[in-house]
Protein backbone atom coordinates (compact mmCIF):
# COMPACT_ATOMS: atom_id res chain seq x y z
CA UNK A 1 -12.17 9.27 4.09
CA UNK A 2 -9.93 11.97 6.40
CA UNK A 3 -7.46 14.46 5.27
CA UNK A 4 -4.98 15.89 7.83
CA UNK A 5 -4.75 19.31 5.75
CA UNK A 6 -2.87 22.56 5.77
CA UNK A 7 -4.59 24.96 3.52
CA UNK A 8 -1.20 27.08 3.39
CA UNK A 9 0.48 23.95 1.78
CA UNK A 10 0.21 23.76 -2.30
CA UNK A 11 0.64 19.83 -1.95
CA UNK A 12 -1.83 19.50 0.66
CA UNK A 13 -4.27 21.69 -1.60
CA UNK A 14 -3.46 19.62 -4.70
CA UNK A 15 -4.26 16.31 -2.69
CA UNK A 16 -7.61 17.63 -1.53
CA UNK A 17 -8.66 18.86 -4.85
CA UNK A 18 -7.89 15.22 -6.44
CA UNK A 19 -10.02 13.67 -3.86
CA UNK A 20 -12.80 16.04 -4.22
CA UNK A 21 -12.55 15.85 -7.95
CA UNK A 22 -13.20 11.95 -7.46
CA UNK A 23 -16.74 13.02 -5.90
CA UNK A 24 -15.68 12.36 -2.31
CA UNK A 25 -16.04 15.01 0.34
CA UNK A 26 -13.63 13.91 3.09
CA UNK A 27 -13.45 15.02 6.80
CA UNK A 28 -10.82 17.70 6.62
CA UNK A 29 -8.75 18.02 9.70
CA UNK A 30 -6.77 21.16 9.98
CA UNK A 31 -4.13 19.57 12.13
CA UNK A 32 -2.32 22.75 13.10
CA UNK A 33 -5.53 24.04 14.71
CA UNK A 34 -6.64 20.70 16.03
CA UNK A 35 -3.57 18.47 16.55
CA UNK A 36 -3.56 14.91 16.58
CA UNK A 37 -3.12 13.11 19.95
CA UNK A 38 -0.23 10.80 20.63
CA UNK A 39 -2.92 7.79 20.37
CA UNK A 40 -3.88 9.30 16.85
CA UNK A 41 -0.35 9.50 15.61
CA UNK A 42 0.37 5.86 16.62
CA UNK A 43 -2.82 4.89 14.69
CA UNK A 44 -1.70 7.16 11.57
CA UNK A 45 1.99 5.30 11.96
CA UNK A 46 0.19 1.78 11.90
CA UNK A 47 -2.01 3.08 8.78
CA UNK A 48 1.03 4.23 7.08
CA UNK A 49 3.26 1.29 8.12
CA UNK A 50 6.13 3.48 9.00
CA UNK A 51 8.19 4.39 11.96
CA UNK A 52 7.37 7.86 13.84
CA UNK A 53 10.96 9.28 12.55
CA UNK A 54 9.79 8.73 8.95
CA UNK A 55 6.64 11.10 9.39
CA UNK A 56 8.78 14.10 10.76
CA UNK A 57 9.30 17.19 8.32
CA UNK A 58 13.18 17.30 8.59
CA UNK A 59 13.08 20.52 6.41
CA UNK A 60 11.41 22.45 8.77
CA UNK A 61 13.54 24.89 10.82
CA UNK A 62 12.24 23.61 14.28
CA UNK A 63 13.46 20.23 13.38
CA UNK A 64 17.01 21.59 12.12
CA UNK A 65 17.37 23.74 15.18
CA UNK A 66 15.88 21.25 17.88
CA UNK A 67 16.19 17.78 16.72
CA UNK A 68 18.66 17.09 13.94
CA UNK A 69 20.89 14.31 14.64
CA UNK A 70 19.10 13.15 17.81
CA UNK A 71 18.26 9.65 18.46
CA UNK A 72 14.77 9.53 19.77
CA UNK A 73 12.73 6.66 20.61
CA UNK A 74 9.36 5.84 18.91
CA UNK A 75 7.65 7.23 21.83
CA UNK A 76 9.52 10.48 21.88
CA UNK A 77 9.18 11.25 18.15
CA UNK A 78 5.43 10.70 18.53
CA UNK A 79 5.58 13.19 21.53
CA UNK A 80 7.51 15.57 19.59
CA UNK A 81 5.05 15.68 16.75
CA UNK A 82 1.87 15.65 19.02
CA UNK A 83 3.64 18.61 20.74
CA UNK A 84 4.59 20.21 17.52
CA UNK A 85 2.21 19.25 14.76
CA UNK A 86 3.84 21.42 11.97
CA UNK A 87 6.86 18.68 12.34
CA UNK A 88 4.19 16.08 10.83
CA UNK A 89 4.36 15.34 6.95
CA UNK A 90 1.58 16.65 5.16
CA UNK A 91 -1.03 15.89 4.01
CA UNK A 92 -2.20 12.75 5.43
CA UNK A 93 -5.06 10.96 3.87
CA UNK A 94 -6.84 8.15 5.70
CA UNK A 95 -9.27 5.77 4.20
CA UNK A 96 -10.29 2.67 6.35
CA UNK A 97 -7.17 0.89 7.58
CA UNK A 98 -4.67 2.63 5.21
CA UNK A 99 -3.21 6.02 5.01
CA UNK A 100 -0.93 7.68 2.52
CA UNK A 101 1.19 11.00 2.70
CA UNK A 102 0.02 13.31 -0.35
CA UNK A 103 3.42 13.70 -1.56
CA UNK A 104 3.36 13.70 -4.51
CA UNK A 105 -0.46 14.61 -4.62
CA UNK A 106 -1.18 11.90 -7.00
CA UNK A 107 -0.24 9.32 -4.57
CA UNK A 108 -3.68 9.57 -3.27
CA UNK A 109 -4.83 7.77 -6.15
CA UNK A 110 -3.75 4.30 -4.39
CA UNK A 111 -6.68 5.35 -1.93
CA UNK A 112 -9.21 6.18 -4.43
CA UNK A 113 -8.74 3.05 -6.24
CA UNK A 114 -9.66 0.71 -3.32
């Protein structure tokens, strides 16, 4: 199991705690320090079964100032997130071929039950 984690985010910390409380020691990826590549983002989107625009944090200042209202292609959104990892929803939890966004943190139970 992997978690794309931001330790400054309460929801990310809560999700990590739930995983660890189930006896799982996940691979922790500090995605702001080690941003996912475009290929990794595409893989995550496939596992999440969602479009790139749906993975963008629309409450971020950068989104509001630079991207709000813009019609970008799938590839363009993927590039935006690869270049600006703080725009990626968090936390992302991956187990095998499935992934979830840990919002709310309890949604991680879907992966823990598999």
